């Protein structure tokens, strides 16, 4: 799609805050998520006690909920200083601001030391949410705020 003008570009985007609430299913609703336009990897969901059994991955997540999900793939992430960690990747149907995004990929990682148990990556922000992030705002996804240019 060709952009007609700078103004049109902004008018066609969704405006989101730095922190938005994500629903990932029963028992996993209203989870504050941090939008990170610098994170080029998958979205990340907190998970501990990760175990594999065939093509399934078991883990404990937010609200101490234990999940079993089909394993999509395993990825290696550089966590700094050339140290790598393996993470499972699973899919969730996600609701943000009343909008459903099916089959959204998440890697699972221990985010115990992080305030936000979901980190949203650049690809999802750009390609699915089609959003602009206002870092001074929080929880505005369902408010349908227009971008003023």
N, C-alpha and C. Protein backbone atom coordinates (compact mmCIF):
# COMPACT_ATOMS: atom_id res chain seq x y z
N UNK A 1 0.84 -1.17 0.00
CA UNK A 1 0.00 0.00 0.00
C UNK A 1 0.89 1.24 0.00
N UNK A 2 0.61 2.14 -0.88
CA UNK A 2 1.39 3.37 -0.99
C UNK A 2 0.85 4.43 -0.05
N UNK A 3 1.76 5.04 0.68
CA UNK A 3 1.39 6.10 1.60
C UNK A 3 1.25 7.40 0.81
N UNK A 4 0.11 8.05 0.95
CA UNK A 4 -0.11 9.29 0.23
C UNK A 4 0.57 10.48 0.89
N UNK A 5 0.61 10.49 2.22
CA UNK A 5 1.23 11.62 2.91
C UNK A 5 1.67 11.19 4.30
N UNK A 6 2.52 12.02 4.88
CA UNK A 6 2.99 11.80 6.24
C UNK A 6 1.79 11.81 7.19
N UNK A 7 0.89 12.74 7.00
CA UNK A 7 -0.30 12.86 7.84
C UNK A 7 -1.17 11.61 7.72
N UNK A 8 -1.37 11.11 6.52
CA UNK A 8 -2.19 9.91 6.31
C UNK A 8 -1.57 8.71 7.02
N UNK A 9 -0.24 8.61 6.98
CA UNK A 9 0.46 7.52 7.66
C UNK A 9 0.06 7.46 9.13
N UNK A 10 0.10 8.60 9.80
CA UNK A 10 -0.22 8.65 11.23
C UNK A 10 -1.71 8.43 11.48
N UNK A 11 -2.55 8.91 10.59
CA UNK A 11 -3.99 8.74 10.78
C UNK A 11 -4.43 7.29 10.63
N UNK A 12 -3.68 6.49 9.89
CA UNK A 12 -4.04 5.09 9.66
C UNK A 12 -3.52 4.16 10.75
N UNK A 13 -2.73 4.66 11.67
CA UNK A 13 -2.13 3.84 12.72
C UNK A 13 -2.99 3.81 13.97
N UNK A 14 -2.84 2.74 14.75
CA UNK A 14 -3.44 2.64 16.07
C UNK A 14 -2.47 3.27 17.06
N UNK A 15 -2.98 4.04 17.99
CA UNK A 15 -2.13 4.63 19.02
C UNK A 15 -2.20 3.76 20.27
N UNK A 16 -1.04 3.34 20.74
CA UNK A 16 -0.95 2.51 21.94
C UNK A 16 0.03 3.13 22.92
N UNK A 17 -0.15 2.80 24.19
CA UNK A 17 0.76 3.26 25.22
C UNK A 17 1.93 2.30 25.37
N UNK A 18 2.89 2.70 26.16
CA UNK A 18 4.05 1.85 26.42
C UNK A 18 3.64 0.55 27.11
N UNK A 19 2.61 0.62 27.95
CA UNK A 19 2.08 -0.55 28.64
C UNK A 19 0.63 -0.72 28.21
N UNK A 20 0.29 -1.93 27.75
CA UNK A 20 -1.08 -2.25 27.38
C UNK A 20 -1.46 -3.60 28.00
N UNK A 21 -2.76 -3.82 28.17
CA UNK A 21 -3.23 -5.07 28.76
C UNK A 21 -3.53 -6.09 27.68
N UNK A 22 -3.00 -7.29 27.87
CA UNK A 22 -3.19 -8.40 26.95
C UNK A 22 -4.02 -9.50 27.61
N UNK A 23 -4.91 -10.10 26.83
CA UNK A 23 -5.65 -11.28 27.27
C UNK A 23 -5.15 -12.46 26.46
N UNK A 24 -4.68 -13.50 27.15
CA UNK A 24 -4.16 -14.69 26.48
C UNK A 24 -5.04 -15.91 26.71
N UNK A 25 -6.21 -15.72 27.29
CA UNK A 25 -7.11 -16.84 27.54
C UNK A 25 -7.54 -16.89 28.99
N UNK A 26 -8.36 -17.87 29.32
CA UNK A 26 -8.89 -17.99 30.69
C UNK A 26 -7.77 -18.03 31.74
N UNK A 27 -7.92 -17.17 32.75
CA UNK A 27 -6.92 -17.09 33.81
C UNK A 27 -5.71 -16.26 33.44
N UNK A 28 -5.65 -15.84 32.19
CA UNK A 28 -4.53 -15.03 31.71
C UNK A 28 -5.05 -13.76 31.03
N UNK A 29 -5.98 -13.10 31.70
CA UNK A 29 -6.53 -11.88 31.13
C UNK A 29 -6.05 -10.66 31.91
N UNK A 30 -6.08 -9.52 31.26
CA UNK A 30 -5.63 -8.26 31.86
C UNK A 30 -4.19 -8.31 32.37
N UNK A 31 -3.31 -8.89 31.57
CA UNK A 31 -1.90 -8.95 31.93
C UNK A 31 -1.21 -7.73 31.33
N UNK A 32 -0.59 -6.89 32.19
CA UNK A 32 0.12 -5.74 31.64
C UNK A 32 1.33 -6.19 30.83
N UNK A 33 1.44 -5.65 29.63
CA UNK A 33 2.52 -6.01 28.72
C UNK A 33 3.27 -4.74 28.33
N UNK A 34 4.58 -4.86 28.23
CA UNK A 34 5.41 -3.73 27.82
C UNK A 34 5.69 -3.84 26.32
N UNK A 35 5.38 -2.79 25.58
CA UNK A 35 5.65 -2.76 24.15
C UNK A 35 7.08 -2.28 23.95
N UNK A 36 7.86 -3.08 23.22
CA UNK A 36 9.30 -2.81 23.06
C UNK A 36 9.64 -2.81 21.58
N UNK A 37 9.65 -1.63 20.99
CA UNK A 37 9.91 -1.52 19.55
C UNK A 37 11.36 -1.85 19.20
N UNK A 38 12.22 -1.99 20.20
CA UNK A 38 13.62 -2.36 19.96
C UNK A 38 13.86 -3.85 20.03
N UNK A 39 12.85 -4.61 20.43
CA UNK A 39 12.97 -6.07 20.54
C UNK A 39 12.60 -6.70 19.21
N UNK A 40 13.59 -7.15 18.46
CA UNK A 40 13.35 -7.73 17.14
C UNK A 40 12.96 -9.19 17.17
N UNK A 41 12.97 -9.80 18.35
CA UNK A 41 12.64 -11.23 18.46
C UNK A 41 11.14 -11.39 18.69
N UNK A 42 10.75 -12.61 18.99
CA UNK A 42 9.34 -12.90 19.29
C UNK A 42 8.87 -12.14 20.53
N UNK A 43 7.56 -12.06 20.69
CA UNK A 43 6.98 -11.64 21.95
C UNK A 43 7.46 -12.64 23.00
N UNK A 44 7.52 -12.21 24.25
CA UNK A 44 8.00 -13.09 25.32
C UNK A 44 6.96 -13.14 26.42
N UNK A 45 6.64 -14.34 26.89
CA UNK A 45 5.76 -14.55 28.02
C UNK A 45 6.54 -15.22 29.13
N UNK A 46 6.31 -14.77 30.35
CA UNK A 46 6.96 -15.37 31.52
C UNK A 46 6.58 -16.85 31.63
N UNK A 47 7.58 -17.67 31.88
CA UNK A 47 7.34 -19.08 32.13
C UNK A 47 8.50 -19.69 32.90
N UNK A 48 8.17 -20.55 33.85
CA UNK A 48 9.19 -21.26 34.64
C UNK A 48 8.82 -22.75 34.64
N UNK A 49 9.75 -23.54 35.15
CA UNK A 49 9.56 -25.01 35.20
C UNK A 49 9.21 -25.55 33.81
N UNK A 50 9.94 -25.09 32.81
CA UNK A 50 9.68 -25.47 31.42
C UNK A 50 10.12 -26.91 31.20
N UNK A 51 9.21 -27.72 30.66
CA UNK A 51 9.50 -29.12 30.38
C UNK A 51 8.94 -29.48 29.02
N UNK A 52 9.66 -30.35 28.33
CA UNK A 52 9.24 -30.80 27.01
C UNK A 52 8.78 -32.25 27.09
N UNK A 53 7.74 -32.55 26.35
CA UNK A 53 7.30 -33.93 26.22
C UNK A 53 6.81 -34.10 24.79
N UNK A 54 7.67 -34.69 23.96
CA UNK A 54 7.34 -34.84 22.55
C UNK A 54 7.20 -33.49 21.89
N UNK A 55 6.04 -33.26 21.28
CA UNK A 55 5.80 -31.99 20.59
C UNK A 55 5.01 -31.01 21.44
N UNK A 56 5.06 -31.18 22.75
CA UNK A 56 4.37 -30.30 23.70
C UNK A 56 5.37 -29.67 24.65
N UNK A 57 5.01 -28.49 25.16
CA UNK A 57 5.81 -27.83 26.19
C UNK A 57 4.89 -27.51 27.36
N UNK A 58 5.37 -27.82 28.55
CA UNK A 58 4.66 -27.56 29.79
C UNK A 58 5.40 -26.45 30.51
N UNK A 59 4.67 -25.50 31.10
CA UNK A 59 5.32 -24.44 31.87
C UNK A 59 4.31 -23.79 32.80
N UNK A 60 4.84 -23.16 33.84
CA UNK A 60 4.04 -22.38 34.78
C UNK A 60 4.24 -20.92 34.44
N UNK A 61 3.14 -20.16 34.44
CA UNK A 61 3.22 -18.78 33.98
C UNK A 61 2.52 -17.83 34.95
N UNK A 62 2.04 -16.72 34.45
CA UNK A 62 1.37 -15.69 35.23
C UNK A 62 0.22 -16.32 36.03
N UNK A 63 -0.01 -15.78 37.21
CA UNK A 63 -1.06 -16.27 38.11
C UNK A 63 -0.85 -17.73 38.50
N UNK A 64 0.41 -18.18 38.41
CA UNK A 64 0.79 -19.55 38.78
C UNK A 64 0.03 -20.60 37.96
N UNK A 65 -0.41 -20.22 36.79
CA UNK A 65 -1.18 -21.10 35.91
C UNK A 65 -0.23 -22.02 35.13
N UNK A 66 -0.52 -23.31 35.14
CA UNK A 66 0.26 -24.28 34.38
C UNK A 66 -0.40 -24.50 33.03
N UNK A 67 0.40 -24.41 31.98
CA UNK A 67 -0.11 -24.57 30.62
C UNK A 67 0.62 -25.69 29.90
N UNK A 68 -0.08 -26.30 28.97
CA UNK A 68 0.49 -27.26 28.03
C UNK A 68 0.14 -26.73 26.65
N UNK A 69 1.17 -26.47 25.85
CA UNK A 69 0.96 -25.91 24.51
C UNK A 69 1.74 -26.71 23.49
N UNK A 70 1.24 -26.79 22.27
CA UNK A 70 2.05 -27.39 21.20
C UNK A 70 3.33 -26.59 21.00
N UNK A 71 4.44 -27.27 20.88
CA UNK A 71 5.72 -26.63 20.64
C UNK A 71 5.83 -26.29 19.15
N UNK A 72 5.97 -25.02 18.84
CA UNK A 72 6.10 -24.58 17.45
C UNK A 72 7.55 -24.74 17.00
N UNK A 73 8.47 -24.28 17.83
CA UNK A 73 9.90 -24.41 17.55
C UNK A 73 10.68 -24.05 18.82
N UNK A 74 11.98 -24.28 18.77
CA UNK A 74 12.89 -23.81 19.81
C UNK A 74 13.81 -22.80 19.16
N UNK A 75 14.07 -21.70 19.87
CA UNK A 75 14.96 -20.68 19.34
C UNK A 75 16.07 -20.41 20.33
N UNK A 76 17.18 -19.90 19.82
CA UNK A 76 18.29 -19.48 20.67
C UNK A 76 18.32 -17.96 20.68
N UNK A 77 18.37 -17.39 21.88
CA UNK A 77 18.37 -15.95 22.06
C UNK A 77 19.68 -15.53 22.70
N UNK A 78 20.32 -14.50 22.13
CA UNK A 78 21.51 -13.92 22.73
C UNK A 78 21.06 -13.02 23.86
N UNK A 79 21.37 -13.41 25.11
CA UNK A 79 20.95 -12.65 26.27
C UNK A 79 22.03 -11.67 26.74
N UNK A 80 23.04 -11.48 25.91
CA UNK A 80 24.10 -10.53 26.21
C UNK A 80 25.42 -11.21 26.47
N UNK A 81 26.48 -10.49 26.19
CA UNK A 81 27.84 -10.97 26.38
C UNK A 81 28.06 -12.34 25.73
N UNK A 82 27.47 -12.52 24.56
CA UNK A 82 27.59 -13.75 23.78
C UNK A 82 27.13 -15.00 24.55
N UNK A 83 26.19 -14.81 25.48
CA UNK A 83 25.56 -15.93 26.17
C UNK A 83 24.22 -16.19 25.51
N UNK A 84 23.95 -17.45 25.21
CA UNK A 84 22.73 -17.83 24.52
C UNK A 84 21.87 -18.71 25.42
N UNK A 85 20.56 -18.59 25.25
CA UNK A 85 19.62 -19.43 25.96
C UNK A 85 18.59 -19.96 24.98
N UNK A 86 18.15 -21.19 25.20
CA UNK A 86 17.13 -21.79 24.33
C UNK A 86 15.76 -21.51 24.91
N UNK A 87 14.84 -21.15 24.04
CA UNK A 87 13.46 -20.88 24.46
C UNK A 87 12.48 -21.63 23.56
N UNK A 88 11.43 -22.17 24.17
CA UNK A 88 10.35 -22.73 23.36
C UNK A 88 9.49 -21.60 22.80
N UNK A 89 8.88 -21.86 21.65
CA UNK A 89 7.95 -20.91 21.04
C UNK A 89 6.60 -21.59 20.93
N UNK A 90 5.56 -20.88 21.38
CA UNK A 90 4.19 -21.39 21.35
C UNK A 90 3.27 -20.31 20.76
N UNK A 91 2.03 -20.68 20.50
CA UNK A 91 1.05 -19.72 19.96
C UNK A 91 -0.05 -19.47 20.97
N UNK A 92 -0.52 -18.23 20.98
CA UNK A 92 -1.70 -17.84 21.76
C UNK A 92 -2.61 -17.02 20.86
N UNK A 93 -3.90 -17.11 21.11
CA UNK A 93 -4.84 -16.14 20.55
C UNK A 93 -4.88 -15.00 21.56
N UNK A 94 -4.55 -13.80 21.09
CA UNK A 94 -4.36 -12.64 21.96
C UNK A 94 -5.44 -11.61 21.67
N UNK A 95 -5.95 -11.00 22.74
CA UNK A 95 -6.87 -9.88 22.60
C UNK A 95 -6.21 -8.65 23.20
N UNK A 96 -6.14 -7.59 22.37
CA UNK A 96 -5.58 -6.30 22.79
C UNK A 96 -6.58 -5.23 22.35
N UNK A 97 -7.04 -4.43 23.30
CA UNK A 97 -7.97 -3.36 22.96
C UNK A 97 -9.23 -3.86 22.27
N UNK A 98 -9.68 -5.04 22.64
CA UNK A 98 -10.89 -5.62 22.06
C UNK A 98 -10.69 -6.29 20.71
N UNK A 99 -9.49 -6.26 20.17
CA UNK A 99 -9.17 -6.86 18.87
C UNK A 99 -8.47 -8.21 19.07
N UNK A 100 -8.91 -9.23 18.35
CA UNK A 100 -8.33 -10.57 18.43
C UNK A 100 -7.21 -10.74 17.41
N UNK A 101 -6.09 -11.28 17.88
CA UNK A 101 -4.96 -11.62 17.01
C UNK A 101 -4.67 -13.10 17.21
N UNK A 102 -5.09 -13.90 16.24
CA UNK A 102 -4.97 -15.36 16.35
C UNK A 102 -3.54 -15.82 16.09
N UNK A 103 -3.22 -16.94 16.71
CA UNK A 103 -1.94 -17.63 16.47
C UNK A 103 -0.73 -16.71 16.60
N UNK A 104 -0.69 -15.95 17.67
CA UNK A 104 0.42 -15.03 17.93
C UNK A 104 1.56 -15.80 18.60
N UNK A 105 2.76 -15.65 18.06
CA UNK A 105 3.92 -16.38 18.58
C UNK A 105 4.51 -15.70 19.81
N UNK A 106 4.84 -16.53 20.80
CA UNK A 106 5.51 -16.10 22.02
C UNK A 106 6.62 -17.07 22.34
N UNK A 107 7.79 -16.55 22.68
CA UNK A 107 8.80 -17.41 23.29
C UNK A 107 8.52 -17.39 24.79
N UNK A 108 8.93 -18.45 25.45
CA UNK A 108 8.70 -18.58 26.89
C UNK A 108 10.04 -18.44 27.60
N UNK A 109 10.07 -17.53 28.58
CA UNK A 109 11.31 -17.27 29.30
C UNK A 109 11.00 -16.83 30.73
N UNK A 110 11.92 -17.08 31.62
CA UNK A 110 11.75 -16.68 33.01
C UNK A 110 11.88 -15.16 33.12
N UNK A 111 10.77 -14.49 33.40
CA UNK A 111 10.74 -13.03 33.56
C UNK A 111 10.42 -12.67 35.01
N UNK A 112 10.80 -13.54 35.94
CA UNK A 112 10.54 -13.31 37.36
C UNK A 112 11.07 -11.96 37.82
N UNK A 113 12.25 -11.59 37.35
CA UNK A 113 12.87 -10.34 37.79
C UNK A 113 12.35 -9.12 37.03
N UNK A 114 11.45 -9.33 36.07
CA UNK A 114 10.89 -8.22 35.29
C UNK A 114 9.54 -7.80 35.84
N UNK A 115 9.26 -6.53 35.81
CA UNK A 115 7.95 -6.03 36.25
C UNK A 115 6.85 -6.58 35.36
N UNK A 116 7.08 -6.53 34.04
CA UNK A 116 6.06 -6.94 33.08
C UNK A 116 6.33 -8.36 32.60
N UNK A 117 5.34 -9.20 32.72
CA UNK A 117 5.50 -10.62 32.41
C UNK A 117 5.32 -10.92 30.93
N UNK A 118 4.93 -9.89 30.18
CA UNK A 118 4.87 -10.00 28.72
C UNK A 118 5.69 -8.86 28.13
N UNK A 119 6.55 -9.22 27.18
CA UNK A 119 7.30 -8.23 26.41
C UNK A 119 6.86 -8.39 24.96
N UNK A 120 6.39 -7.31 24.37
CA UNK A 120 5.84 -7.35 23.01
C UNK A 120 6.90 -6.87 22.04
N UNK A 121 7.16 -7.67 21.02
CA UNK A 121 8.22 -7.39 20.06
C UNK A 121 7.81 -6.49 18.91
N UNK A 122 8.84 -5.97 18.25
CA UNK A 122 8.70 -5.04 17.14
C UNK A 122 7.84 -5.58 16.00
N UNK A 123 8.04 -6.84 15.61
CA UNK A 123 7.28 -7.39 14.48
C UNK A 123 5.79 -7.40 14.76
N UNK A 124 5.40 -7.80 15.96
CA UNK A 124 3.97 -7.83 16.31
C UNK A 124 3.41 -6.41 16.34
N UNK A 125 4.16 -5.48 16.90
CA UNK A 125 3.72 -4.08 16.97
C UNK A 125 3.52 -3.52 15.57
N UNK A 126 4.47 -3.79 14.70
CA UNK A 126 4.45 -3.22 13.35
C UNK A 126 3.47 -3.93 12.42
N UNK A 127 3.51 -5.25 12.40
CA UNK A 127 2.76 -6.00 11.39
C UNK A 127 1.34 -6.37 11.81
N UNK A 128 1.12 -6.61 13.09
CA UNK A 128 -0.23 -7.01 13.53
C UNK A 128 -0.99 -5.85 14.16
N UNK A 129 -0.38 -5.21 15.15
CA UNK A 129 -1.05 -4.09 15.81
C UNK A 129 -1.10 -2.87 14.91
N UNK A 130 -0.13 -2.74 14.00
CA UNK A 130 0.00 -1.59 13.11
C UNK A 130 -0.10 -0.30 13.92
N UNK A 131 0.80 -0.20 14.92
CA UNK A 131 0.65 0.83 15.93
C UNK A 131 1.82 1.79 16.02
N UNK A 132 1.50 2.93 16.58
CA UNK A 132 2.48 3.91 17.02
C UNK A 132 2.42 3.89 18.54
N UNK A 133 3.59 3.93 19.18
CA UNK A 133 3.64 3.88 20.64
C UNK A 133 3.88 5.27 21.20
N UNK A 134 2.98 5.69 22.08
CA UNK A 134 3.16 6.93 22.83
C UNK A 134 3.68 6.52 24.20
N UNK A 135 4.98 6.71 24.42
CA UNK A 135 5.61 6.22 25.65
C UNK A 135 5.13 6.95 26.90
N UNK A 136 4.42 8.05 26.74
CA UNK A 136 3.88 8.78 27.89
C UNK A 136 2.52 8.24 28.32
N UNK A 137 1.98 7.28 27.58
CA UNK A 137 0.64 6.75 27.85
C UNK A 137 0.70 5.29 28.30
N UNK A 138 -0.37 4.86 28.99
CA UNK A 138 -0.55 3.46 29.36
C UNK A 138 -2.02 3.09 29.21
N UNK A 139 -2.26 1.84 28.83
CA UNK A 139 -3.61 1.29 28.78
C UNK A 139 -4.59 2.16 27.99
N UNK A 140 -4.25 2.43 26.75
CA UNK A 140 -5.13 3.24 25.91
C UNK A 140 -5.64 2.47 24.69
N UNK A 141 -5.32 1.19 24.58
CA UNK A 141 -5.66 0.40 23.39
C UNK A 141 -7.16 0.38 23.11
N UNK A 142 -7.97 0.37 24.15
CA UNK A 142 -9.41 0.27 23.94
C UNK A 142 -10.10 1.63 23.97
N UNK A 143 -9.33 2.69 23.92
CA UNK A 143 -9.91 4.03 24.01
C UNK A 143 -10.11 4.69 22.64
N UNK A 144 -9.60 4.05 21.57
CA UNK A 144 -9.76 4.58 20.20
C UNK A 144 -9.35 6.03 20.07
N UNK A 145 -8.17 6.34 20.56
CA UNK A 145 -7.66 7.70 20.49
C UNK A 145 -7.11 7.97 19.09
N UNK A 146 -7.49 9.07 18.52
CA UNK A 146 -6.98 9.46 17.20
C UNK A 146 -5.63 10.14 17.36
N UNK A 147 -4.77 9.90 16.37
CA UNK A 147 -3.49 10.59 16.34
C UNK A 147 -3.73 11.96 15.72
N UNK A 148 -3.36 13.02 16.43
CA UNK A 148 -3.52 14.39 15.94
C UNK A 148 -2.22 14.83 15.26
N UNK A 149 -2.32 15.19 13.98
CA UNK A 149 -1.15 15.68 13.25
C UNK A 149 -1.46 16.99 12.58
